């Protein structure tokens, strides 16, 4: 049975992930979580265009909603810290990701293969 608190937490985390360019999906309980009764396991993936093709199915996080909140707090802290000291404001990373996406698109048009199968 799902509680209102759980649904609100799920909705809040979904909005935070969307702002960071990620998406969340629920997973079947497996591995270390298999022995824990009544635990909802979630996995975090990059959003559709959040990363180049070769990394779009990467699982960035697997765990409970409480663990995910802590993980998101760490990402937020790191992002704020980097921008505060001037290491990265996202524009350099965005330019590199765009260049890689364009390279993969041009290569797939040239070879006729799917972007996932392309080698560098």
Protein backbone atom coordinates (compact mmCIF):
# COMPACT_ATOMS: atom_id res chain seq x y z
CA UNK A 1 0.00 0.00 0.00
CA UNK A 2 1.31 3.38 -0.95
CA UNK A 3 1.09 6.28 1.43
CA UNK A 4 0.48 9.91 0.59
CA UNK A 5 3.94 10.79 1.94
CA UNK A 6 5.52 8.29 -0.46
CA UNK A 7 3.60 9.68 -3.44
CA UNK A 8 4.58 13.26 -2.57
CA UNK A 9 8.22 12.21 -2.15
CA UNK A 10 8.11 10.39 -5.51
CA UNK A 11 6.62 13.44 -7.25
CA UNK A 12 9.14 15.83 -5.69
CA UNK A 13 12.09 13.66 -6.65
CA UNK A 14 10.74 13.26 -10.20
CA UNK A 15 10.70 17.05 -10.61
CA UNK A 16 14.23 17.40 -9.20
CA UNK A 17 15.52 14.72 -11.56
CA UNK A 18 13.82 16.31 -14.56
CA UNK A 19 15.54 19.61 -13.74
CA UNK A 20 18.89 17.78 -13.67
CA UNK A 21 18.24 15.99 -17.00
CA UNK A 22 17.45 12.57 -15.54
CA UNK A 23 14.46 10.28 -15.23
CA UNK A 24 13.40 7.72 -12.64
CA UNK A 25 11.84 4.29 -13.03
CA UNK A 26 10.74 1.76 -10.45
CA UNK A 27 12.58 -1.56 -10.50
CA UNK A 28 11.86 -5.05 -9.33
CA UNK A 29 13.57 -5.88 -6.06
CA UNK A 30 16.82 -7.76 -6.71
CA UNK A 31 20.35 -8.15 -5.39
CA UNK A 32 20.92 -6.63 -1.96
CA UNK A 33 17.33 -5.35 -1.89
CA UNK A 34 15.78 -8.81 -2.37
CA UNK A 35 16.05 -9.60 1.34
CA UNK A 36 14.33 -6.35 2.40
CA UNK A 37 10.52 -6.70 2.56
CA UNK A 38 8.28 -3.83 1.43
CA UNK A 39 11.08 -1.80 -0.13
CA UNK A 40 10.47 0.11 -3.37
CA UNK A 41 13.61 0.18 -5.51
CA UNK A 42 14.08 2.96 -8.06
CA UNK A 43 16.66 3.45 -10.77
CA UNK A 44 17.81 6.74 -12.29
CA UNK A 45 18.71 7.07 -15.97
CA UNK A 46 19.73 10.01 -18.16
CA UNK A 47 16.82 11.74 -19.87
CA UNK A 48 16.25 11.11 -23.57
CA UNK A 49 18.73 13.71 -24.77
CA UNK A 50 20.67 14.15 -21.53
CA UNK A 51 23.74 12.25 -22.73
CA UNK A 52 25.16 11.01 -26.03
CA UNK A 53 23.70 7.78 -27.43
CA UNK A 54 26.33 5.47 -25.97
CA UNK A 55 25.35 6.31 -22.39
CA UNK A 56 21.58 6.80 -22.49
CA UNK A 57 20.77 3.43 -20.93
CA UNK A 58 23.30 3.80 -18.12
CA UNK A 59 21.93 3.32 -14.63
CA UNK A 60 23.18 6.31 -12.69
CA UNK A 61 21.64 5.20 -9.40
CA UNK A 62 19.79 2.22 -7.93
CA UNK A 63 18.31 2.28 -4.44
CA UNK A 64 15.41 3.38 -2.29
CA UNK A 65 13.70 6.77 -2.45
CA UNK A 66 15.37 7.85 0.79
CA UNK A 67 18.80 6.94 -0.61
CA UNK A 68 17.94 8.78 -3.83
CA UNK A 69 17.11 11.96 -1.89
CA UNK A 70 20.54 11.85 -0.26
CA UNK A 71 22.20 11.21 -3.63
CA UNK A 72 20.36 14.18 -5.18
CA UNK A 73 21.40 16.41 -2.27
CA UNK A 74 25.02 15.45 -2.96
CA UNK A 75 24.68 16.24 -6.66
CA UNK A 76 23.07 19.59 -5.86
CA UNK A 77 25.84 20.42 -3.39
CA UNK A 78 28.56 19.49 -5.90
CA UNK A 79 26.93 21.52 -8.68
CA UNK A 80 26.62 24.55 -6.43
CA UNK A 81 30.19 24.16 -5.17
CA UNK A 82 31.65 23.89 -8.68
CA UNK A 83 29.80 26.97 -9.89
CA UNK A 84 30.79 28.84 -6.73
CA UNK A 85 34.51 28.25 -7.25
CA UNK A 86 34.26 28.70 -11.03
CA UNK A 87 35.26 25.22 -12.17
CA UNK A 88 32.21 24.48 -14.30
CA UNK A 89 29.07 26.38 -15.04
CA UNK A 90 27.76 23.73 -17.45
CA UNK A 91 28.52 25.52 -20.71
CA UNK A 92 31.80 23.67 -21.35
CA UNK A 93 30.20 20.29 -20.62
CA UNK A 94 27.19 21.18 -22.78
CA UNK A 95 29.44 22.13 -25.73
CA UNK A 96 31.34 18.84 -25.49
CA UNK A 97 28.12 16.81 -25.29
CA UNK A 98 26.66 18.66 -28.28
CA UNK A 99 29.84 18.06 -30.30
CA UNK A 100 29.71 14.34 -29.50
CA UNK A 101 26.02 14.11 -30.41
CA UNK A 102 26.66 15.87 -33.72
CA UNK A 103 29.65 13.60 -34.43
CA UNK A 104 27.52 10.51 -33.82
CA UNK A 105 24.70 11.83 -35.99
CA UNK A 106 27.02 12.59 -38.90
CA UNK A 107 28.73 9.22 -38.54
CA UNK A 108 25.38 7.40 -38.51
CA UNK A 109 24.29 9.29 -41.63
CA UNK A 110 27.57 8.44 -43.34
CA UNK A 111 27.57 4.72 -42.45
CA UNK A 112 23.83 4.04 -42.19
CA UNK A 113 24.29 2.33 -38.79
CA UNK A 114 22.43 3.10 -35.61
CA UNK A 115 24.28 5.56 -33.33
CA UNK A 116 24.48 2.91 -30.57
CA UNK A 117 26.72 0.70 -32.72
CA UNK A 118 29.21 3.40 -33.67
CA UNK A 119 32.78 3.16 -32.47
CA UNK A 120 35.05 6.07 -31.93
